[in-house]
Amino acid sequence: MNYKTTDVKDGKEIFFSGSFTFRDHDGFFEIVSLIKSATVPKIVFDLSDCDFIDSAALGMFVIAHDEASSHAVNLSIRGVKGKVKDVMYAARFDSLYVFEE
């Protein structure tokens, strides 16, 4: 997984690309640290260039959601498609996250 962070008017956007698996654990915790120290009200995870996620990645998204909730940061997910969308909806992530087109 590769990611890039961009500042926007009302928060941050984090763009993911490639496959997101257990091997990306350390990199993702950099993102969790960003959430913990966020001074913005909203962070959007853009997965439009992410082509695969595994169950460990789903767990990392749950951790991010929990951290955001405890730090009053709204998280949303944008651009899910294909297998990534199928996995996220099968795991009922639509009950944790707002999905944007």
C-alpha atoms as a PDB file:
ATOM      1  CA  MET A   1       0.000   0.000   0.000  1.00  0.00           C
ATOM      2  CA  ASN A   2       1.115   3.468  -0.792  1.00  0.00           C
ATOM      3  CA  TYR A   3      -0.589   6.533   0.565  1.00  0.00           C
ATOM      4  CA  LYS A   4      -0.467  10.273   0.133  1.00  0.00           C
ATOM      5  CA  THR A   5      -2.006  12.911   2.394  1.00  0.00           C
ATOM      6  CA  THR A   6      -3.490  16.149   1.093  1.00  0.00           C
ATOM      7  CA  ASP A   7      -4.865  19.086   3.082  1.00  0.00           C
ATOM      8  CA  VAL A   8      -8.269  20.346   1.997  1.00  0.00           C
ATOM      9  CA  LYS A   9     -10.500  23.155   3.233  1.00  0.00           C
ATOM     10  CA  ASP A  10     -12.317  21.201   5.942  1.00  0.00           C
ATOM     11  CA  GLY A  11      -9.822  18.449   6.701  1.00  0.00           C
ATOM     12  CA  LYS A  12      -7.474  15.956   5.109  1.00  0.00           C
ATOM     13  CA  GLU A  13      -7.708  13.435   2.322  1.00  0.00           C
ATOM     14  CA  ILE A  14      -5.618  10.291   2.384  1.00  0.00           C
ATOM     15  CA  PHE A  15      -5.240   8.558  -0.978  1.00  0.00           C
ATOM     16  CA  PHE A  16      -4.440   4.832  -0.913  1.00  0.00           C
ATOM     17  CA  SER A  17      -3.097   2.884  -3.868  1.00  0.00           C
ATOM     18  CA  GLY A  18      -2.157  -0.702  -4.556  1.00  0.00           C
ATOM     19  CA  SER A  19      -2.848  -3.643  -2.286  1.00  0.00           C
ATOM     20  CA  PHE A  20      -3.546  -3.077   1.401  1.00  0.00           C
ATOM     21  CA  THR A  21      -2.564  -6.096   3.505  1.00  0.00           C
ATOM     22  CA  PHE A  22      -1.107  -7.132   6.841  1.00  0.00           C
ATOM     23  CA  ARG A  23       2.348  -6.081   5.599  1.00  0.00           C
ATOM     24  CA  ASP A  24       1.141  -2.468   5.679  1.00  0.00           C
ATOM     25  CA  HIS A  25       0.530  -2.519   9.428  1.00  0.00           C
ATOM     26  CA  ASP A  26       3.407  -0.168  10.330  1.00  0.00           C
ATOM     27  CA  GLY A  27       2.574   2.330   7.597  1.00  0.00           C
ATOM     28  CA  PHE A  28      -1.053   2.421   8.603  1.00  0.00           C
ATOM     29  CA  PHE A  29      -0.170   3.279  12.172  1.00  0.00           C
ATOM     30  CA  GLU A  30       1.422   6.454  10.827  1.00  0.00           C
ATOM     31  CA  ILE A  31      -2.090   7.304   9.635  1.00  0.00           C
ATOM     32  CA  VAL A  32      -3.555   6.417  13.041  1.00  0.00           C
ATOM     33  CA  SER A  33      -1.026   8.804  14.624  1.00  0.00           C
ATOM     34  CA  LEU A  34      -2.218  11.475  12.214  1.00  0.00           C
ATOM     35  CA  ILE A  35      -5.800  10.870  13.366  1.00  0.00           C
ATOM     36  CA  LYS A  36      -4.785  11.102  17.030  1.00  0.00           C
ATOM     37  CA  SER A  37      -3.099  14.448  16.465  1.00  0.00           C
ATOM     38  CA  ALA A  38      -5.650  15.802  13.999  1.00  0.00           C
ATOM     39  CA  THR A  39      -6.687  19.402  14.320  1.00  0.00           C
ATOM     40  CA  VAL A  40      -9.233  18.997  11.521  1.00  0.00           C
ATOM     41  CA  PRO A  41     -12.829  17.823  11.834  1.00  0.00           C
ATOM     42  CA  LYS A  42     -12.830  15.449   8.855  1.00  0.00           C
ATOM     43  CA  ILE A  43     -10.576  12.903   7.173  1.00  0.00           C
ATOM     44  CA  VAL A  44     -11.498  11.138   3.940  1.00  0.00           C
ATOM     45  CA  PHE A  45      -9.892   7.843   2.961  1.00  0.00           C
ATOM     46  CA  ASP A  46      -9.860   7.722  -0.852  1.00  0.00           C
ATOM     47  CA  LEU A  47      -9.591   4.121  -2.031  1.00  0.00           C
ATOM     48  CA  SER A  48     -10.198   4.730  -5.734  1.00  0.00           C
ATOM     49  CA  ASP A  49      -6.685   3.445  -6.570  1.00  0.00           C
ATOM     50  CA  CYS A  50      -6.718   0.603  -4.037  1.00  0.00           C
ATOM     51  CA  ASP A  51      -7.162  -2.727  -5.798  1.00  0.00           C
ATOM     52  CA  PHE A  52      -7.080  -5.248  -2.920  1.00  0.00           C
ATOM     53  CA  ILE A  53      -7.637  -5.370   0.831  1.00  0.00           C
ATOM     54  CA  ASP A  54      -7.406  -8.305   3.192  1.00  0.00           C
ATOM     55  CA  SER A  55      -8.938  -8.961   6.606  1.00  0.00           C
ATOM     56  CA  ALA A  56      -5.983  -7.343   8.387  1.00  0.00           C
ATOM     57  CA  ALA A  57      -6.607  -4.137   6.442  1.00  0.00           C
ATOM     58  CA  LEU A  58     -10.250  -4.257   7.513  1.00  0.00           C
ATOM     59  CA  GLY A  59      -9.080  -4.531  11.108  1.00  0.00           C
ATOM     60  CA  MET A  60      -6.853  -1.500  10.631  1.00  0.00           C
ATOM     61  CA  PHE A  61      -9.822   0.488   9.337  1.00  0.00           C
ATOM     62  CA  VAL A  62     -11.743  -0.507  12.477  1.00  0.00           C
ATOM     63  CA  ILE A  63      -8.859   0.772  14.625  1.00  0.00           C
ATOM     64  CA  ALA A  64      -8.839   4.035  12.647  1.00  0.00           C
ATOM     65  CA  HIS A  65     -12.591   4.388  13.176  1.00  0.00           C
ATOM     66  CA  ASP A  66     -12.229   3.847  16.935  1.00  0.00           C
ATOM     67  CA  GLU A  67      -9.417   6.399  17.200  1.00  0.00           C
ATOM     68  CA  ALA A  68     -11.335   8.940  15.158  1.00  0.00           C
ATOM     69  CA  SER A  69     -14.404   8.493  17.344  1.00  0.00           C
ATOM     70  CA  SER A  70     -12.412   9.097  20.502  1.00  0.00           C
ATOM     71  CA  HIS A  71     -10.777  12.221  19.005  1.00  0.00           C
ATOM     72  CA  ALA A  72     -13.939  13.762  17.480  1.00  0.00           C
ATOM     73  CA  VAL A  73     -12.763  13.304  13.892  1.00  0.00           C
ATOM     74  CA  ASN A  74     -15.281  12.295  11.216  1.00  0.00           C
ATOM     75  CA  LEU A  75     -13.960   9.642   8.870  1.00  0.00           C
ATOM     76  CA  SER A  76     -15.424   8.708   5.530  1.00  0.00           C
ATOM     77  CA  ILE A  77     -14.396   6.454   2.668  1.00  0.00           C
ATOM     78  CA  ARG A  78     -14.512   7.455  -0.983  1.00  0.00           C
ATOM     79  CA  GLY A  79     -14.011   5.653  -4.255  1.00  0.00           C
ATOM     80  CA  VAL A  80     -14.425   2.003  -3.302  1.00  0.00           C
ATOM     81  CA  LYS A  81     -14.962  -0.227  -6.294  1.00  0.00           C
ATOM     82  CA  GLY A  82     -14.608  -3.786  -7.488  1.00  0.00           C
ATOM     83  CA  LYS A  83     -13.365  -6.389  -5.026  1.00  0.00           C
ATOM     84  CA  VAL A  84     -12.521  -3.731  -2.417  1.00  0.00           C
ATOM     85  CA  LYS A  85     -16.146  -2.578  -2.443  1.00  0.00           C
ATOM     86  CA  ASP A  86     -17.422  -6.159  -2.250  1.00  0.00           C
ATOM     87  CA  VAL A  87     -15.226  -6.928   0.768  1.00  0.00           C
ATOM     88  CA  MET A  88     -16.094  -3.711   2.604  1.00  0.00           C
ATOM     89  CA  TYR A  89     -19.830  -4.144   2.120  1.00  0.00           C
ATOM     90  CA  ALA A  90     -19.682  -7.861   3.021  1.00  0.00           C
ATOM     91  CA  ALA A  91     -17.935  -6.850   6.251  1.00  0.00           C
ATOM     92  CA  ARG A  92     -20.717  -4.282   6.881  1.00  0.00           C
ATOM     93  CA  PHE A  93     -18.375  -1.303   6.823  1.00  0.00           C
ATOM     94  CA  ASP A  94     -21.284   0.803   5.672  1.00  0.00           C
ATOM     95  CA  SER A  95     -22.430   0.676   9.313  1.00  0.00           C
ATOM     96  CA  LEU A  96     -19.084   2.140  10.510  1.00  0.00           C
ATOM     97  CA  TYR A  97     -18.227   4.583   7.767  1.00  0.00           C
ATOM     98  CA  VAL A  98     -19.998   7.020   5.495  1.00  0.00           C
ATOM     99  CA  PHE A  99     -19.245   5.981   1.931  1.00  0.00           C
ATOM    100  CA  GLU A 100     -18.852   8.823  -0.575  1.00  0.00           C
ATOM    101  CA  GLU A 101     -18.913   8.387  -4.323  1.00  0.00           C
END
